[in-house]
PDB file of all heavy atoms in Angstrom:
ATOM      1  N   GLY A   1       1.490 -10.540   1.111  1.00  0.00           N
ATOM      2  CA  GLY A   1       1.727 -11.593   2.194  1.00  0.00           C
ATOM      3  C   GLY A   1       0.950 -12.921   1.760  1.00  0.00           C
ATOM      4  O   GLY A   1      -0.139 -12.794   1.208  1.00  0.00           O
ATOM      5  N   TRP A   2       1.470 -13.982   2.095  1.00  0.00           N
ATOM      6  CA  TRP A   2       0.932 -15.251   1.512  1.00  0.00           C
ATOM      7  C   TRP A   2      -0.449 -15.685   1.993  1.00  0.00           C
ATOM      8  O   TRP A   2      -1.115 -16.263   1.207  1.00  0.00           O
ATOM      9  CB  TRP A   2       2.003 -16.323   1.736  1.00  0.00           C
ATOM     10  CG  TRP A   2       1.869 -17.241   2.861  1.00  0.00           C
ATOM     11  CD1 TRP A   2       1.729 -16.790   4.180  1.00  0.00           C
ATOM     12  CD2 TRP A   2       1.861 -18.706   2.937  1.00  0.00           C
ATOM     13  NE1 TRP A   2       1.668 -17.877   4.982  1.00  0.00           N
ATOM     14  CE2 TRP A   2       1.833 -19.046   4.284  1.00  0.00           C
ATOM     15  CE3 TRP A   2       2.033 -19.607   1.941  1.00  0.00           C
ATOM     16  CZ2 TRP A   2       1.786 -20.306   4.670  1.00  0.00           C
ATOM     17  CZ3 TRP A   2       2.024 -20.905   2.328  1.00  0.00           C
ATOM     18  CH2 TRP A   2       1.949 -21.238   3.723  1.00  0.00           C
ATOM     19  N   ASP A   3      -0.731 -15.320   3.208  1.00  0.00           N
ATOM     20  CA  ASP A   3      -2.122 -15.827   3.802  1.00  0.00           C
ATOM     21  C   ASP A   3      -3.176 -14.951   3.361  1.00  0.00           C
ATOM     22  O   ASP A   3      -2.953 -13.703   3.088  1.00  0.00           O
ATOM     23  CB  ASP A   3      -2.037 -15.857   5.293  1.00  0.00           C
ATOM     24  CG  ASP A   3      -3.220 -16.491   5.927  1.00  0.00           C
ATOM     25  OD1 ASP A   3      -3.177 -17.819   5.938  1.00  0.00           O
ATOM     26  OD2 ASP A   3      -4.150 -15.859   6.328  1.00  0.00           O
ATOM     27  N   LEU A   4      -4.383 -15.545   3.172  1.00  0.00           N
ATOM     28  CA  LEU A   4      -5.575 -14.813   2.691  1.00  0.00           C
ATOM     29  C   LEU A   4      -6.021 -13.786   3.649  1.00  0.00           C
ATOM     30  O   LEU A   4      -6.951 -12.973   3.351  1.00  0.00           O
ATOM     31  CB  LEU A   4      -6.647 -15.688   2.243  1.00  0.00           C
ATOM     32  CG  LEU A   4      -6.360 -16.548   1.059  1.00  0.00           C
ATOM     33  CD1 LEU A   4      -7.519 -17.389   0.608  1.00  0.00           C
ATOM     34  CD2 LEU A   4      -6.099 -15.643  -0.167  1.00  0.00           C
ATOM     35  N   SER A   5      -5.450 -13.724   4.823  1.00  0.00           N
ATOM     36  CA  SER A   5      -5.766 -12.604   5.818  1.00  0.00           C
ATOM     37  C   SER A   5      -4.604 -11.495   5.709  1.00  0.00           C
ATOM     38  O   SER A   5      -4.796 -10.546   6.388  1.00  0.00           O
ATOM     39  CB  SER A   5      -5.832 -13.169   7.236  1.00  0.00           C
ATOM     40  OG  SER A   5      -4.566 -13.766   7.674  1.00  0.00           O
ATOM     41  N   ASP A   6      -3.610 -11.777   4.898  1.00  0.00           N
ATOM     42  CA  ASP A   6      -2.492 -10.743   4.877  1.00  0.00           C
ATOM     43  C   ASP A   6      -2.818  -9.719   3.803  1.00  0.00           C
ATOM     44  O   ASP A   6      -3.003 -10.070   2.648  1.00  0.00           O
ATOM     45  CB  ASP A   6      -1.179 -11.421   4.480  1.00  0.00           C
ATOM     46  CG  ASP A   6      -0.679 -12.292   5.627  1.00  0.00           C
ATOM     47  OD1 ASP A   6      -0.902 -11.978   6.778  1.00  0.00           O
ATOM     48  OD2 ASP A   6      -0.021 -13.398   5.297  1.00  0.00           O
ATOM     49  N   PRO A   7      -2.855  -8.426   4.157  1.00  0.00           N
ATOM     50  CA  PRO A   7      -3.126  -7.360   3.137  1.00  0.00           C
ATOM     51  C   PRO A   7      -2.033  -7.162   2.271  1.00  0.00           C
ATOM     52  O   PRO A   7      -0.798  -7.417   2.482  1.00  0.00           O
ATOM     53  CB  PRO A   7      -3.432  -6.130   3.949  1.00  0.00           C
ATOM     54  CG  PRO A   7      -2.513  -6.393   5.144  1.00  0.00           C
ATOM     55  CD  PRO A   7      -2.463  -7.905   5.457  1.00  0.00           C
ATOM     56  N   MET A   8      -2.263  -6.583   1.006  1.00  0.00           N
ATOM     57  CA  MET A   8      -1.317  -5.982   0.168  1.00  0.00           C
ATOM     58  C   MET A   8      -1.015  -4.565   0.706  1.00  0.00           C
ATOM     59  O   MET A   8      -1.833  -3.934   1.494  1.00  0.00           O
ATOM     60  CB  MET A   8      -1.745  -5.917  -1.252  1.00  0.00           C
ATOM     61  CG  MET A   8      -1.892  -7.251  -1.922  1.00  0.00           C
ATOM     62  SD  MET A   8      -2.394  -7.193  -3.663  1.00  0.00           S
ATOM     63  CE  MET A   8      -0.813  -6.535  -4.412  1.00  0.00           C
ATOM     64  N   HIS A   9       0.197  -4.017   0.217  1.00  0.00           N
ATOM     65  CA  HIS A   9       0.513  -2.588   0.670  1.00  0.00           C
ATOM     66  C   HIS A   9       1.108  -1.965  -0.576  1.00  0.00           C
ATOM     67  O   HIS A   9       1.867  -2.452  -1.358  1.00  0.00           O
ATOM     68  CB  HIS A   9       1.540  -2.611   1.793  1.00  0.00           C
ATOM     69  CG  HIS A   9       1.036  -3.108   3.111  1.00  0.00           C
ATOM     70  ND1 HIS A   9       0.426  -2.323   3.957  1.00  0.00           N
ATOM     71  CD2 HIS A   9       1.089  -4.206   3.626  1.00  0.00           C
ATOM     72  CE1 HIS A   9       0.163  -3.123   5.066  1.00  0.00           C
ATOM     73  NE2 HIS A   9       0.642  -4.293   4.905  1.00  0.00           N
ATOM     74  N   TYR A  10       0.597  -0.635  -0.696  1.00  0.00           N
ATOM     75  CA  TYR A  10       1.099   0.106  -1.917  1.00  0.00           C
ATOM     76  C   TYR A  10       1.632   1.452  -1.333  1.00  0.00           C
ATOM     77  O   TYR A  10       0.804   2.247  -0.768  1.00  0.00           O
ATOM     78  CB  TYR A  10      -0.089   0.367  -2.839  1.00  0.00           C
ATOM     79  CG  TYR A  10       0.216   1.374  -4.001  1.00  0.00           C
ATOM     80  CD1 TYR A  10       1.592   1.231  -4.603  1.00  0.00           C
ATOM     81  CD2 TYR A  10      -0.580   2.223  -4.422  1.00  0.00           C
ATOM     82  CE1 TYR A  10       1.844   2.109  -5.640  1.00  0.00           C
ATOM     83  CE2 TYR A  10      -0.260   3.211  -5.504  1.00  0.00           C
ATOM     84  CZ  TYR A  10       1.046   3.086  -6.027  1.00  0.00           C
ATOM     85  OH  TYR A  10       1.270   3.914  -7.023  1.00  0.00           O
ATOM     86  N   PHE A  11       2.905   1.648  -1.538  1.00  0.00           N
ATOM     87  CA  PHE A  11       3.575   2.858  -0.997  1.00  0.00           C
ATOM     88  C   PHE A  11       4.028   3.733  -2.201  1.00  0.00           C
ATOM     89  O   PHE A  11       4.839   3.255  -2.981  1.00  0.00           O
ATOM     90  CB  PHE A  11       4.772   2.556  -0.073  1.00  0.00           C
ATOM     91  CG  PHE A  11       4.539   1.760   1.126  1.00  0.00           C
ATOM     92  CD1 PHE A  11       4.602   0.362   1.127  1.00  0.00           C
ATOM     93  CD2 PHE A  11       3.962   2.416   2.276  1.00  0.00           C
ATOM     94  CE1 PHE A  11       4.333  -0.411   2.304  1.00  0.00           C
ATOM     95  CE2 PHE A  11       3.749   1.682   3.345  1.00  0.00           C
ATOM     96  CZ  PHE A  11       3.757   0.378   3.428  1.00  0.00           C
ATOM     97  N   GLN A  12       3.412   4.940  -2.298  1.00  0.00           N
ATOM     98  CA  GLN A  12       3.764   5.864  -3.343  1.00  0.00           C
ATOM     99  C   GLN A  12       4.943   6.708  -3.019  1.00  0.00           C
ATOM    100  O   GLN A  12       4.982   7.219  -1.944  1.00  0.00           O
ATOM    101  CB  GLN A  12       2.422   6.703  -3.713  1.00  0.00           C
ATOM    102  CG  GLN A  12       2.730   7.487  -4.893  1.00  0.00           C
ATOM    103  CD  GLN A  12       1.358   8.200  -5.321  1.00  0.00           C
ATOM    104  OE1 GLN A  12       0.460   7.519  -5.757  1.00  0.00           O
ATOM    105  NE2 GLN A  12       1.259   9.457  -5.094  1.00  0.00           N
ATOM    106  N   ASN A  13       5.794   6.845  -3.900  1.00  0.00           N
ATOM    107  CA  ASN A  13       6.987   7.690  -3.734  1.00  0.00           C
ATOM    108  C   ASN A  13       6.557   9.122  -3.868  1.00  0.00           C
ATOM    109  O   ASN A  13       5.924   9.601  -4.740  1.00  0.00           O
ATOM    110  CB  ASN A  13       8.006   7.423  -4.887  1.00  0.00           C
ATOM    111  CG  ASN A  13       9.429   8.001  -4.623  1.00  0.00           C
ATOM    112  OD1 ASN A  13       9.438   9.116  -4.096  1.00  0.00           O
ATOM    113  ND2 ASN A  13      10.382   7.304  -4.917  1.00  0.00           N
ATOM    114  N   ASN A  14       6.856   9.959  -2.757  1.00  0.00           N
ATOM    115  CA  ASN A  14       6.424  11.338  -2.623  1.00  0.00           C
ATOM    116  C   ASN A  14       7.439  12.267  -3.344  1.00  0.00           C
ATOM    117  O   ASN A  14       7.320  13.529  -3.255  1.00  0.00           O
ATOM    118  CB  ASN A  14       6.273  11.681  -1.225  1.00  0.00           C
ATOM    119  CG  ASN A  14       5.177  11.036  -0.513  1.00  0.00           C
ATOM    120  OD1 ASN A  14       4.144  10.637  -1.201  1.00  0.00           O
ATOM    121  ND2 ASN A  14       5.372  10.680   0.777  1.00  0.00           N
ATOM    122  N   GLN A  15       8.481  11.768  -3.924  1.00  0.00           N
ATOM    123  CA  GLN A  15       9.422  12.559  -4.543  1.00  0.00           C
ATOM    124  C   GLN A  15      10.317  13.454  -3.692  1.00  0.00           C
ATOM    125  O   GLN A  15      10.887  14.311  -4.196  1.00  0.00           O
ATOM    126  CB  GLN A  15       8.877  13.431  -5.748  1.00  0.00           C
ATOM    127  CG  GLN A  15       8.089  12.665  -6.759  1.00  0.00           C
ATOM    128  CD  GLN A  15       7.379  13.424  -7.822  1.00  0.00           C
ATOM    129  OE1 GLN A  15       7.857  14.608  -8.077  1.00  0.00           O
ATOM    130  NE2 GLN A  15       6.397  13.009  -8.452  1.00  0.00           N
ATOM    131  N   ASP A  16      10.236  13.159  -2.420  1.00  0.00           N
ATOM    132  CA  ASP A  16      11.100  13.983  -1.489  1.00  0.00           C
ATOM    133  C   ASP A  16      11.781  13.163  -0.485  1.00  0.00           C
ATOM    134  O   ASP A  16      12.213  13.693   0.584  1.00  0.00           O
ATOM    135  CB  ASP A  16      10.070  14.966  -0.728  1.00  0.00           C
ATOM    136  CG  ASP A  16       8.997  14.228   0.109  1.00  0.00           C
ATOM    137  OD1 ASP A  16       8.991  12.919   0.062  1.00  0.00           O
ATOM    138  OD2 ASP A  16       8.248  14.873   0.767  1.00  0.00           O
ATOM    139  N   GLY A  17      11.973  11.904  -0.673  1.00  0.00           N
ATOM    140  CA  GLY A  17      12.661  10.908   0.249  1.00  0.00           C
ATOM    141  C   GLY A  17      11.749  10.269   1.186  1.00  0.00           C
ATOM    142  O   GLY A  17      12.169   9.694   2.188  1.00  0.00           O
ATOM    143  N   THR A  18      10.415  10.407   1.038  1.00  0.00           N
ATOM    144  CA  THR A  18       9.355   9.759   1.789  1.00  0.00           C
ATOM    145  C   THR A  18       8.421   8.920   0.990  1.00  0.00           C
ATOM    146  O   THR A  18       8.349   9.165  -0.267  1.00  0.00           O
ATOM    147  CB  THR A  18       8.634  10.758   2.696  1.00  0.00           C
ATOM    148  OG1 THR A  18       7.836  11.590   1.943  1.00  0.00           O
ATOM    149  CG2 THR A  18       9.642  11.584   3.520  1.00  0.00           C
ATOM    150  N   PHE A  19       7.589   8.096   1.625  1.00  0.00           N
ATOM    151  CA  PHE A  19       6.633   7.338   0.899  1.00  0.00           C
ATOM    152  C   PHE A  19       5.233   7.542   1.670  1.00  0.00           C
ATOM    153  O   PHE A  19       5.224   7.698   2.880  1.00  0.00           O
ATOM    154  CB  PHE A  19       6.981   5.884   0.864  1.00  0.00           C
ATOM    155  CG  PHE A  19       8.149   5.636   0.088  1.00  0.00           C
ATOM    156  CD1 PHE A  19       9.425   5.702   0.571  1.00  0.00           C
ATOM    157  CD2 PHE A  19       8.011   5.194  -1.206  1.00  0.00           C
ATOM    158  CE1 PHE A  19      10.595   5.476  -0.219  1.00  0.00           C
ATOM    159  CE2 PHE A  19       9.136   4.895  -2.017  1.00  0.00           C
ATOM    160  CZ  PHE A  19      10.394   5.025  -1.552  1.00  0.00           C
ATOM    161  N   SER A  20       4.162   7.388   0.934  1.00  0.00           N
ATOM    162  CA  SER A  20       2.892   7.439   1.585  1.00  0.00           C
ATOM    163  C   SER A  20       2.065   6.164   1.210  1.00  0.00           C
ATOM    164  O   SER A  20       2.229   5.596   0.188  1.00  0.00           O
ATOM    165  CB  SER A  20       2.002   8.718   0.977  1.00  0.00           C
ATOM    166  OG  SER A  20       2.506   9.860   1.340  1.00  0.00           O
ATOM    167  N   ASP A  21       1.438   5.634   2.269  1.00  0.00           N
ATOM    168  CA  ASP A  21       0.705   4.366   2.196  1.00  0.00           C
ATOM    169  C   ASP A  21      -0.581   4.777   1.393  1.00  0.00           C
ATOM    170  O   ASP A  21      -1.523   5.492   1.998  1.00  0.00           O
ATOM    171  CB  ASP A  21       0.405   3.780   3.562  1.00  0.00           C
ATOM    172  CG  ASP A  21      -0.239   2.364   3.441  1.00  0.00           C
ATOM    173  OD1 ASP A  21      -0.794   2.087   2.341  1.00  0.00           O
ATOM    174  OD2 ASP A  21      -0.121   1.637   4.389  1.00  0.00           O
ATOM    175  N   ARG A  22      -0.812   4.336   0.171  1.00  0.00           N
ATOM    176  CA  ARG A  22      -1.940   4.653  -0.621  1.00  0.00           C
ATOM    177  C   ARG A  22      -2.719   3.348  -0.915  1.00  0.00           C
ATOM    178  O   ARG A  22      -3.479   3.202  -1.856  1.00  0.00           O
ATOM    179  CB  ARG A  22      -1.505   5.264  -2.084  1.00  0.00           C
ATOM    180  CG  ARG A  22      -0.647   6.394  -1.837  1.00  0.00           C
ATOM    181  CD  ARG A  22      -1.462   7.628  -1.559  1.00  0.00           C
ATOM    182  NE  ARG A  22      -2.408   7.926  -2.603  1.00  0.00           N
ATOM    183  CZ  ARG A  22      -3.457   8.683  -2.614  1.00  0.00           C
ATOM    184  NH1 ARG A  22      -3.681   9.339  -1.498  1.00  0.00           N
ATOM    185  NH2 ARG A  22      -4.253   8.943  -3.628  1.00  0.00           N
ATOM    186  N   THR A  23      -2.576   2.335  -0.042  1.00  0.00           N
ATOM    187  CA  THR A  23      -3.221   0.996  -0.263  1.00  0.00           C
ATOM    188  C   THR A  23      -4.709   1.089  -0.385  1.00  0.00           C
ATOM    189  O   THR A  23      -5.276   0.623  -1.523  1.00  0.00           O
ATOM    190  CB  THR A  23      -2.919   0.042   0.874  1.00  0.00           C
ATOM    191  OG1 THR A  23      -1.473   0.023   1.075  1.00  0.00           O
ATOM    192  CG2 THR A  23      -3.372  -1.342   0.645  1.00  0.00           C
ATOM    193  N   GLU A  24      -5.390   1.780   0.580  1.00  0.00           N
ATOM    194  CA  GLU A  24      -6.857   1.886   0.398  1.00  0.00           C
ATOM    195  C   GLU A  24      -7.299   2.753  -0.718  1.00  0.00           C
ATOM    196  O   GLU A  24      -8.330   2.411  -1.385  1.00  0.00           O
ATOM    197  CB  GLU A  24      -7.341   2.370   1.784  1.00  0.00           C
ATOM    198  CG  GLU A  24      -8.879   2.355   1.904  1.00  0.00           C
ATOM    199  CD  GLU A  24      -9.461   2.496   3.272  1.00  0.00           C
ATOM    200  OE1 GLU A  24      -8.541   2.591   4.272  1.00  0.00           O
ATOM    201  OE2 GLU A  24     -10.687   2.727   3.404  1.00  0.00           O
ATOM    202  N   ALA A  25      -6.647   3.887  -0.863  1.00  0.00           N
ATOM    203  CA  ALA A  25      -6.982   4.789  -1.918  1.00  0.00           C
ATOM    204  C   ALA A  25      -6.816   4.153  -3.294  1.00  0.00           C
ATOM    205  O   ALA A  25      -7.504   4.473  -4.288  1.00  0.00           O
ATOM    206  CB  ALA A  25      -6.161   6.094  -1.846  1.00  0.00           C
ATOM    207  N   ALA A  26      -5.847   3.123  -3.411  1.00  0.00           N
ATOM    208  CA  ALA A  26      -5.596   2.537  -4.711  1.00  0.00           C
ATOM    209  C   ALA A  26      -6.668   1.412  -4.912  1.00  0.00           C
ATOM    210  O   ALA A  26      -6.643   0.783  -6.043  1.00  0.00           O
ATOM    211  CB  ALA A  26      -4.198   1.935  -4.712  1.00  0.00           C
ATOM    212  N   GLY A  27      -7.623   1.089  -4.017  1.00  0.00           N
ATOM    213  CA  GLY A  27      -8.555   0.183  -4.182  1.00  0.00           C
ATOM    214  C   GLY A  27      -8.075  -1.219  -3.801  1.00  0.00           C
ATOM    215  O   GLY A  27      -8.722  -2.238  -4.261  1.00  0.00           O
ATOM    216  N   LEU A  28      -7.068  -1.342  -3.134  1.00  0.00           N
ATOM    217  CA  LEU A  28      -6.391  -2.710  -2.834  1.00  0.00           C
ATOM    218  C   LEU A  28      -6.926  -3.275  -1.470  1.00  0.00           C
ATOM    219  O   LEU A  28      -6.483  -4.399  -1.174  1.00  0.00           O
ATOM    220  CB  LEU A  28      -4.906  -2.582  -2.890  1.00  0.00           C
ATOM    221  CG  LEU A  28      -4.351  -2.186  -4.148  1.00  0.00           C
ATOM    222  CD1 LEU A  28      -2.710  -2.004  -4.091  1.00  0.00           C
ATOM    223  CD2 LEU A  28      -4.643  -3.186  -5.253  1.00  0.00           C
ATOM    224  N   LYS A  29      -7.696  -2.554  -0.737  1.00  0.00           N
ATOM    225  CA  LYS A  29      -8.207  -3.105   0.561  1.00  0.00           C
ATOM    226  C   LYS A  29      -9.058  -4.278   0.159  1.00  0.00           C
ATOM    227  O   LYS A  29      -9.954  -4.197  -0.589  1.00  0.00           O
ATOM    228  CB  LYS A  29      -8.966  -2.071   1.240  1.00  0.00           C
ATOM    229  CG  LYS A  29      -9.353  -2.520   2.655  1.00  0.00           C
ATOM    230  CD  LYS A  29     -10.095  -1.435   3.399  1.00  0.00           C
ATOM    231  CE  LYS A  29     -10.457  -1.928   4.793  1.00  0.00           C
ATOM    232  NZ  LYS A  29     -11.247  -0.790   5.427  1.00  0.00           N
ATOM    233  N   GLY A  30      -8.830  -5.445   0.911  1.00  0.00           N
ATOM    234  CA  GLY A  30      -9.640  -6.676   0.628  1.00  0.00           C
ATOM    235  C   GLY A  30      -8.885  -7.613  -0.453  1.00  0.00           C
ATOM    236  O   GLY A  30      -9.238  -8.681  -0.513  1.00  0.00           O
TER     237      GLY A  30
END
């Protein structure tokens, strides 16, 4: 997101038709 208060999001494909939010685990928080 464009503002410096907007977080990034990383959704990992679970290979079963769903996704998991791995943003913090990926080190992208902040």
